[in-house]
Amino acid sequence: MNTFTIQHLRTFAQKVFMHCGMNESDANQAADILLEADLRGIDSHGVARLSGYVRLWQKGRANMHPHFQIVHETPSTATVDADGGLGLVAAPYAMNIAIEKAKQAGTGWVAIRHSNHFGIAAYHAMMALPHDMIGIALTNASPLVAPTHSKQRMLGTNPICYAIPAGTHGSVVIDLATSTAANGKLEIAQRANKKIPLGWLQDKNGVDTDDPNALKEGGVLLPLGSGKTEAGHKGFALSALVDILSGVLSGANYGPWVPPFVAFLEPRTDMPGKGIGHFVGAMRVDAFHPVGEFYAHMQRWIDAFKSAPRIDENIPVIIPGEPETKTKTDRLLHGIPLNNLVIEDLNKLGSELGIPF
């Protein structure tokens, strides 16, 4: 494990994206999202993903210079065709549309089709915060998760994020996968050669396993609430909601047809839609409640939960998004730690592209 400066990683990512054909503005946008993931401690979605985007481009599955087009629109909604571009660029473009619509109509909603992986959902949802708006970001993903009572990969980890402004506190950011664990956590466990908790994963025969490599061998991730709780149907329902809003509603692919992120797997030939789908939204707080009063109530809400009696006095009640905010503060000061395997991958990528890491 070594630590790198934020500027070093951002500059490297920018150069890589521009090498692949992105203009400078889009490359900066894409790099910022990867770095925000690393800053917030979502290490699976930071620069560790960079080579994955490059491989998609090399396979001709990612358009690095797309022409975004609004294909359907009302005063408060729109559908954007991302022209095969990266979600790292398409989702912020769509979120800006949602914010502008919310300024006029109170709320704005944009569905995106023909896109690719969009990084961390929190980045897009949090774009609404400076505007005194609640932001929402959803995306479907390549199928790795089995629905309740099945052992077939039918859904992605399909994250949901709500970012809620909270005045002087900052924000409450609810960002979660609808599977018991995101695939990125398996990748982290694989790199660290560690076992995973039971309830995250089943092998190809439908048997619970603590081997993070079982997914590579035909296993499946499980919906949120699986395992001893026997509440996996709730995670399945949430994942289905994300898939329908992101895929079915937008005209993207959905369910088992969502194209894989990894370039070594080919998309299916019978796909019903275009690319990966996202769904983003923005809601003006003052469309529902005076902003000042809302923030006062949010502060009271936060204070109440933070002061709730603790099971262990040494373990505080945590507000959603609080750990990520603390991690970002620390990493802004001390830099970003990278696993040795990630460093090796970035060195290999840099050598291949003629951009020394």
Protein backbone atom coordinates (compact mmCIF):
# COMPACT_ATOMS: atom_id res chain seq x y z
CA MET A 1 0.00 0.00 0.00
CA ASN A 2 1.42 3.36 -1.09
CA THR A 3 -0.05 6.87 -0.91
CA PHE A 4 -0.34 9.20 -3.90
CA THR A 5 -1.24 12.86 -4.20
CA ILE A 6 -4.62 13.75 -5.58
CA GLN A 7 -3.08 15.87 -8.33
CA HIS A 8 -0.82 13.00 -9.44
CA LEU A 9 -3.75 10.60 -9.84
CA ARG A 10 -6.03 13.21 -11.44
CA THR A 11 -3.38 14.23 -13.99
CA PHE A 12 -2.68 10.62 -14.90
CA ALA A 13 -6.39 9.83 -15.36
CA GLN A 14 -6.90 12.98 -17.45
CA LYS A 15 -4.02 12.05 -19.75
CA VAL A 16 -5.32 8.50 -20.14
CA PHE A 17 -8.83 9.66 -21.06
CA MET A 18 -7.47 12.20 -23.53
CA HIS A 19 -5.26 9.52 -25.07
CA CYS A 20 -8.45 7.55 -25.69
CA GLY A 21 -10.00 10.46 -27.59
CA MET A 22 -11.81 12.51 -24.95
CA ASN A 23 -11.66 16.28 -25.19
CA GLU A 24 -10.03 18.08 -22.28
CA SER A 25 -13.32 19.08 -20.63
CA ASP A 26 -14.74 15.55 -20.67
CA ALA A 27 -11.42 14.07 -19.51
CA ASN A 28 -11.38 16.45 -16.56
CA GLN A 29 -14.98 15.51 -15.71
CA ALA A 30 -14.28 11.77 -15.88
CA ALA A 31 -11.10 12.09 -13.82
CA ASP A 32 -12.87 14.18 -11.18
CA ILE A 33 -15.47 11.45 -10.64
CA LEU A 34 -12.82 8.75 -10.23
CA LEU A 35 -10.90 10.93 -7.78
CA GLU A 36 -14.07 11.75 -5.82
CA ALA A 37 -14.60 8.01 -5.35
CA ASP A 38 -11.06 7.59 -4.04
CA LEU A 39 -11.38 10.64 -1.80
CA ARG A 40 -14.61 9.32 -0.28
CA GLY A 41 -13.07 5.91 0.35
CA ILE A 42 -14.99 4.09 -2.39
CA ASP A 43 -11.73 2.60 -3.60
CA SER A 44 -13.36 0.09 -5.93
CA HIS A 45 -14.74 2.91 -8.12
CA GLY A 46 -11.74 5.23 -8.25
CA VAL A 47 -8.60 4.99 -10.36
CA ALA A 48 -8.77 1.22 -9.85
CA ARG A 49 -11.47 1.30 -12.56
CA LEU A 50 -9.44 3.34 -15.04
CA SER A 51 -8.07 0.42 -17.04
CA GLY A 52 -11.60 -1.00 -17.31
CA TYR A 53 -12.79 2.09 -19.18
CA VAL A 54 -9.75 1.94 -21.45
CA ARG A 55 -10.44 -1.72 -22.29
CA LEU A 56 -14.04 -0.84 -23.23
CA TRP A 57 -12.70 1.85 -25.58
CA GLN A 58 -10.18 -0.55 -27.10
CA LYS A 59 -12.97 -3.05 -27.77
CA GLY A 60 -15.01 -0.37 -29.51
CA ARG A 61 -17.70 -0.45 -26.82
CA ALA A 62 -17.15 3.05 -25.42
CA ASN A 63 -17.40 6.21 -27.50
CA MET A 64 -14.94 8.74 -26.07
CA HIS A 65 -16.29 11.62 -28.14
CA PRO A 66 -20.08 11.16 -28.00
CA HIS A 67 -22.82 13.46 -29.21
CA PHE A 68 -25.48 13.57 -26.50
CA GLN A 69 -29.03 14.02 -27.71
CA ILE A 70 -32.31 14.73 -25.93
CA VAL A 71 -34.71 12.35 -27.63
CA HIS A 72 -37.82 13.06 -25.52
CA GLU A 73 -38.69 16.03 -23.34
CA THR A 74 -41.36 17.74 -21.24
CA PRO A 75 -40.98 20.79 -18.96
CA SER A 76 -39.86 18.59 -16.05
CA THR A 77 -38.49 15.45 -17.76
CA ALA A 78 -36.13 14.34 -20.50
CA THR A 79 -34.60 11.24 -22.00
CA VAL A 80 -30.98 11.49 -23.16
CA ASP A 81 -29.25 9.19 -25.65
CA ALA A 82 -25.59 9.12 -24.59
CA ASP A 83 -24.32 7.82 -27.95
CA GLY A 84 -22.29 5.06 -26.31
CA GLY A 85 -20.31 7.51 -24.16
CA LEU A 86 -19.03 6.91 -20.67
CA GLY A 87 -21.53 7.43 -17.87
CA LEU A 88 -18.78 9.45 -16.19
CA VAL A 89 -19.66 12.20 -18.66
CA ALA A 90 -23.26 11.37 -19.63
CA ALA A 91 -24.67 11.32 -16.09
CA PRO A 92 -23.37 14.80 -15.10
CA TYR A 93 -24.69 16.15 -18.42
CA ALA A 94 -28.11 14.71 -17.61
CA MET A 95 -27.98 15.89 -14.00
CA ASN A 96 -27.38 19.45 -15.16
CA ILE A 97 -30.51 19.17 -17.30
CA ALA A 98 -32.46 17.88 -14.28
CA ILE A 99 -31.23 20.78 -12.14
CA GLU A 100 -32.21 23.37 -14.77
CA LYS A 101 -35.65 21.81 -15.10
CA ALA A 102 -36.06 21.79 -11.33
CA LYS A 103 -35.26 25.51 -11.23
CA GLN A 104 -38.25 26.09 -13.49
CA ALA A 105 -40.69 23.33 -12.58
CA GLY A 106 -39.72 22.45 -8.99
CA THR A 107 -38.44 19.02 -9.95
CA GLY A 108 -36.46 17.62 -12.87
CA TRP A 109 -36.06 14.01 -13.98
CA VAL A 110 -33.82 12.61 -16.70
CA ALA A 111 -33.49 9.05 -17.96
CA ILE A 112 -30.31 8.10 -19.84
CA ARG A 113 -29.81 5.29 -22.32
CA HIS A 114 -26.93 4.07 -24.51
CA SER A 115 -24.41 4.83 -21.76
CA ASN A 116 -21.67 3.00 -19.88
CA HIS A 117 -20.58 2.66 -16.23
CA PHE A 118 -21.03 6.01 -14.42
CA GLY A 119 -18.73 5.66 -11.41
CA ILE A 120 -20.10 6.46 -7.96
CA ALA A 121 -23.76 7.45 -7.82
CA ALA A 122 -23.04 9.96 -5.05
CA TYR A 123 -21.13 12.28 -7.38
CA HIS A 124 -24.14 12.82 -9.61
CA ALA A 125 -26.71 13.10 -6.83
CA MET A 126 -24.53 15.57 -4.91
CA MET A 127 -24.46 17.94 -7.89
CA ALA A 128 -27.89 19.13 -6.69
CA LEU A 129 -26.71 20.16 -3.21
CA PRO A 130 -25.30 23.63 -4.02
CA HIS A 131 -28.67 24.54 -5.53
CA ASP A 132 -30.65 23.77 -2.33
CA MET A 133 -31.99 20.70 -4.07
CA ILE A 134 -32.27 17.00 -3.24
CA GLY A 135 -30.40 14.92 -5.80
CA ILE A 136 -31.14 11.38 -6.90
CA ALA A 137 -29.02 9.03 -9.02
CA LEU A 138 -29.70 5.43 -10.01
CA THR A 139 -28.06 3.10 -12.51
CA ASN A 140 -28.46 -0.46 -13.61
CA ALA A 141 -25.40 -2.60 -14.19
CA SER A 142 -24.24 -5.85 -15.72
CA PRO A 143 -25.97 -8.90 -14.22
CA LEU A 144 -24.17 -10.41 -11.24
CA VAL A 145 -27.07 -10.68 -8.77
CA ALA A 146 -29.62 -13.49 -8.58
CA PRO A 147 -33.24 -12.66 -7.77
CA THR A 148 -34.73 -14.29 -4.69
CA HIS A 149 -35.06 -18.08 -5.09
CA SER A 150 -32.86 -18.17 -8.21
CA LYS A 151 -29.20 -18.92 -8.90
CA GLN A 152 -29.06 -17.12 -12.25
CA ARG A 153 -27.47 -13.70 -12.73
CA MET A 154 -30.35 -11.40 -13.65
CA LEU A 155 -29.65 -7.99 -12.09
CA GLY A 156 -26.75 -5.67 -11.42
CA THR A 157 -25.70 -4.32 -8.05
CA ASN A 158 -27.96 -1.40 -9.10
CA PRO A 159 -27.10 1.40 -6.66
CA ILE A 160 -29.46 4.02 -5.28
CA CYS A 161 -28.26 7.43 -4.08
CA TYR A 162 -30.15 10.31 -2.49
CA ALA A 163 -28.19 13.44 -1.56
CA ILE A 164 -30.07 15.76 0.82
CA PRO A 165 -28.78 19.23 1.69
CA ALA A 166 -28.60 19.91 5.43
CA GLY A 167 -27.47 23.50 5.87
CA THR A 168 -24.55 23.94 8.26
CA HIS A 169 -24.21 20.16 8.66
CA GLY A 170 -23.48 19.81 4.96
CA SER A 171 -25.56 16.94 3.65
CA VAL A 172 -27.03 13.53 4.24
CA VAL A 173 -25.91 11.19 1.45
CA ILE A 174 -27.60 7.80 1.20
CA ASP A 175 -25.60 5.76 -1.31
CA LEU A 176 -25.99 1.99 -1.40
CA ALA A 177 -25.95 -1.01 -3.64
CA THR A 178 -29.13 -3.07 -3.74
CA SER A 179 -27.07 -6.24 -3.42
CA THR A 180 -25.84 -7.30 0.01
CA ALA A 181 -22.37 -6.20 -1.07
CA ALA A 182 -21.20 -4.32 -4.13
CA ASN A 183 -18.95 -6.15 -6.58
CA GLY A 184 -16.22 -3.66 -5.73
CA LYS A 185 -16.05 -5.04 -2.20
CA LEU A 186 -15.40 -8.48 -3.64
CA GLU A 187 -12.60 -7.03 -5.76
CA ILE A 188 -11.07 -5.42 -2.67
CA ALA A 189 -11.29 -8.75 -0.80
CA GLN A 190 -9.71 -10.54 -3.76
CA ARG A 191 -6.80 -8.10 -3.87
CA ALA A 192 -6.29 -8.47 -0.11
CA ASN A 193 -6.71 -12.27 -0.27
CA LYS A 194 -9.39 -12.13 2.42
CA LYS A 195 -12.57 -14.12 2.93
CA ILE A 196 -15.97 -12.42 2.79
CA PRO A 197 -18.94 -12.73 5.18
CA LEU A 198 -21.50 -15.41 4.43
CA GLY A 199 -24.61 -13.94 2.86
CA TRP A 200 -22.77 -11.89 0.25
CA LEU A 201 -22.25 -14.57 -2.36
CA GLN A 202 -23.35 -18.01 -3.51
CA ASP A 203 -21.35 -20.38 -5.67
CA LYS A 204 -22.61 -21.65 -9.02
CA ASN A 205 -24.60 -24.37 -7.23
CA GLY A 206 -26.48 -21.90 -5.03
CA VAL A 207 -24.46 -22.64 -1.87
CA ASP A 208 -23.32 -19.82 0.44
CA THR A 209 -19.58 -19.21 0.29
CA ASP A 210 -16.96 -16.96 1.89
CA ASP A 211 -14.65 -17.17 -1.15
CA PRO A 212 -14.63 -13.80 -2.99
CA ASN A 213 -13.37 -15.58 -6.12
CA ALA A 214 -16.54 -17.67 -6.42
CA LEU A 215 -18.14 -14.96 -8.55
CA LYS A 216 -15.48 -15.49 -11.22
CA GLU A 217 -16.32 -19.18 -11.18
CA GLY A 218 -20.01 -18.81 -11.98
CA GLY A 219 -21.34 -17.73 -8.61
CA VAL A 220 -23.87 -14.96 -7.94
CA LEU A 221 -24.14 -11.97 -5.64
CA LEU A 222 -27.21 -11.87 -3.42
CA PRO A 223 -29.85 -9.14 -3.03
CA LEU A 224 -29.71 -6.82 -0.02
CA GLY A 225 -31.14 -8.56 3.07
CA SER A 226 -30.21 -12.08 2.01
CA GLY A 227 -28.71 -14.66 4.33
CA LYS A 228 -29.99 -15.27 7.83
CA THR A 229 -32.39 -12.32 7.67
CA GLU A 230 -34.35 -14.00 4.84
CA ALA A 231 -35.29 -10.53 3.60
CA GLY A 232 -33.61 -10.78 0.21
CA HIS A 233 -36.95 -10.16 -1.50
CA LYS A 234 -36.69 -6.54 -0.30
CA GLY A 235 -33.30 -6.06 -1.92
CA PHE A 236 -34.62 -7.78 -5.05
CA ALA A 237 -37.54 -5.33 -5.16
CA LEU A 238 -35.24 -2.31 -4.77
CA SER A 239 -32.93 -3.62 -7.49
CA ALA A 240 -35.90 -4.20 -9.77
CA LEU A 241 -37.03 -0.61 -9.20
CA VAL A 242 -33.60 0.73 -10.23
CA ASP A 243 -33.53 -1.54 -13.28
CA ILE A 244 -36.97 -0.46 -14.48
CA LEU A 245 -36.35 3.28 -14.01
CA SER A 246 -32.83 3.14 -15.46
CA GLY A 247 -33.35 0.60 -18.21
CA VAL A 248 -36.96 -0.01 -19.18
CA LEU A 249 -38.05 3.64 -18.85
CA SER A 250 -35.05 5.06 -20.72
CA GLY A 251 -34.85 2.56 -23.57
CA ALA A 252 -31.57 1.09 -22.30
CA ASN A 253 -30.97 -2.58 -21.69
CA TYR A 254 -32.25 -4.18 -18.50
CA GLY A 255 -32.04 -7.34 -16.43
CA PRO A 256 -29.77 -10.02 -17.95
CA TRP A 257 -29.27 -7.99 -21.15
CA VAL A 258 -27.26 -5.16 -19.55
CA PRO A 259 -23.81 -5.29 -21.22
CA PRO A 260 -20.88 -6.34 -19.03
CA PHE A 261 -18.41 -3.75 -17.74
CA VAL A 262 -15.45 -6.05 -18.29
CA ALA A 263 -14.25 -5.91 -21.89
CA PHE A 264 -13.31 -9.60 -22.10
CA LEU A 265 -17.00 -10.57 -21.93
CA GLU A 266 -19.08 -9.90 -25.04
CA PRO A 267 -22.56 -8.32 -24.82
CA ARG A 268 -25.48 -10.52 -25.75
CA THR A 269 -26.66 -10.42 -29.35
CA ASP A 270 -30.37 -10.22 -28.47
CA MET A 271 -30.31 -6.97 -26.49
CA PRO A 272 -33.68 -5.17 -26.36
CA GLY A 273 -32.30 -1.67 -25.72
CA LYS A 274 -29.24 0.55 -25.99
CA GLY A 275 -26.30 0.30 -23.61
CA ILE A 276 -26.52 0.83 -19.85
CA GLY A 277 -29.21 3.08 -18.35
CA HIS A 278 -29.22 5.69 -15.61
CA PHE A 279 -31.91 7.78 -13.95
CA VAL A 280 -31.21 11.10 -12.24
CA GLY A 281 -33.36 13.72 -10.59
CA ALA A 282 -33.33 16.99 -8.71
CA MET A 283 -36.01 18.39 -6.37
CA ARG A 284 -35.98 21.99 -5.20
CA VAL A 285 -36.41 22.08 -1.43
CA ASP A 286 -38.46 25.27 -1.66
CA ALA A 287 -40.90 23.51 -3.97
CA PHE A 288 -42.05 21.71 -0.81
CA HIS A 289 -40.91 23.71 2.21
CA PRO A 290 -39.16 27.05 2.94
CA VAL A 291 -35.43 26.36 2.74
CA GLY A 292 -34.52 27.92 6.09
CA GLU A 293 -37.16 25.93 7.94
CA PHE A 294 -36.13 22.75 6.15
CA TYR A 295 -32.50 23.18 7.20
CA ALA A 296 -33.52 23.87 10.79
CA HIS A 297 -35.52 20.65 10.84
CA MET A 298 -32.69 18.73 9.17
CA GLN A 299 -30.32 19.91 11.89
CA ARG A 300 -32.80 18.82 14.54
CA TRP A 301 -33.19 15.46 12.79
CA ILE A 302 -29.42 14.95 12.68
CA ASP A 303 -28.92 16.03 16.30
CA ALA A 304 -31.64 13.63 17.46
CA PHE A 305 -30.08 10.67 15.72
CA LYS A 306 -26.53 11.54 16.77
CA SER A 307 -27.64 11.72 20.40
CA ALA A 308 -29.57 8.44 20.35
CA PRO A 309 -28.47 6.07 23.16
CA ARG A 310 -25.54 3.91 22.05
CA ILE A 311 -25.15 0.18 22.43
CA ASP A 312 -21.41 0.75 22.85
CA GLU A 313 -20.36 4.20 24.10
CA ASN A 314 -17.26 4.00 21.91
CA ILE A 315 -19.27 3.53 18.72
CA PRO A 316 -21.33 6.59 17.69
CA VAL A 317 -24.51 6.62 15.63
CA ILE A 318 -23.48 7.47 12.08
CA ILE A 319 -25.46 9.72 9.74
CA PRO A 320 -25.52 8.43 6.12
CA GLY A 321 -22.56 9.89 4.24
CA GLU A 322 -20.65 10.81 7.40
CA PRO A 323 -17.87 8.18 7.05
CA GLU A 324 -17.23 9.23 3.44
CA THR A 325 -17.02 12.89 4.45
CA LYS A 326 -14.48 12.10 7.17
CA THR A 327 -12.45 9.95 4.78
CA LYS A 328 -12.42 12.77 2.22
CA THR A 329 -11.18 15.26 4.82
CA ASP A 330 -8.36 12.89 5.77
CA ARG A 331 -7.35 12.05 2.21
CA LEU A 332 -7.37 15.68 1.12
CA LEU A 333 -4.70 16.19 3.76
CA HIS A 334 -2.69 12.99 3.48
CA GLY A 335 -3.26 11.67 -0.04
CA ILE A 336 -4.90 8.54 -1.42
CA PRO A 337 -3.66 5.04 -0.53
CA LEU A 338 -3.60 2.50 -3.36
CA ASN A 339 -3.37 -1.26 -3.13
CA ASN A 340 -0.19 -2.70 -4.68
CA LEU A 341 -2.20 -4.61 -7.29
CA VAL A 342 -3.90 -1.38 -8.35
CA ILE A 343 -0.50 0.33 -8.61
CA GLU A 344 0.75 -2.57 -10.73
CA ASP A 345 -2.29 -2.27 -12.99
CA LEU A 346 -1.84 1.50 -13.42
CA ASN A 347 1.87 1.07 -14.15
CA LYS A 348 1.02 -1.54 -16.79
CA LEU A 349 -1.64 0.71 -18.31
CA GLY A 350 0.70 3.70 -18.36
CA SER A 351 3.45 1.69 -20.00
CA GLU A 352 1.05 0.40 -22.63
CA LEU A 353 -0.23 3.89 -23.49
CA GLY A 354 3.09 5.70 -23.18
CA ILE A 355 1.90 7.70 -20.17
CA PRO A 356 4.17 6.84 -17.22
CA PHE A 357 2.28 6.43 -14.00
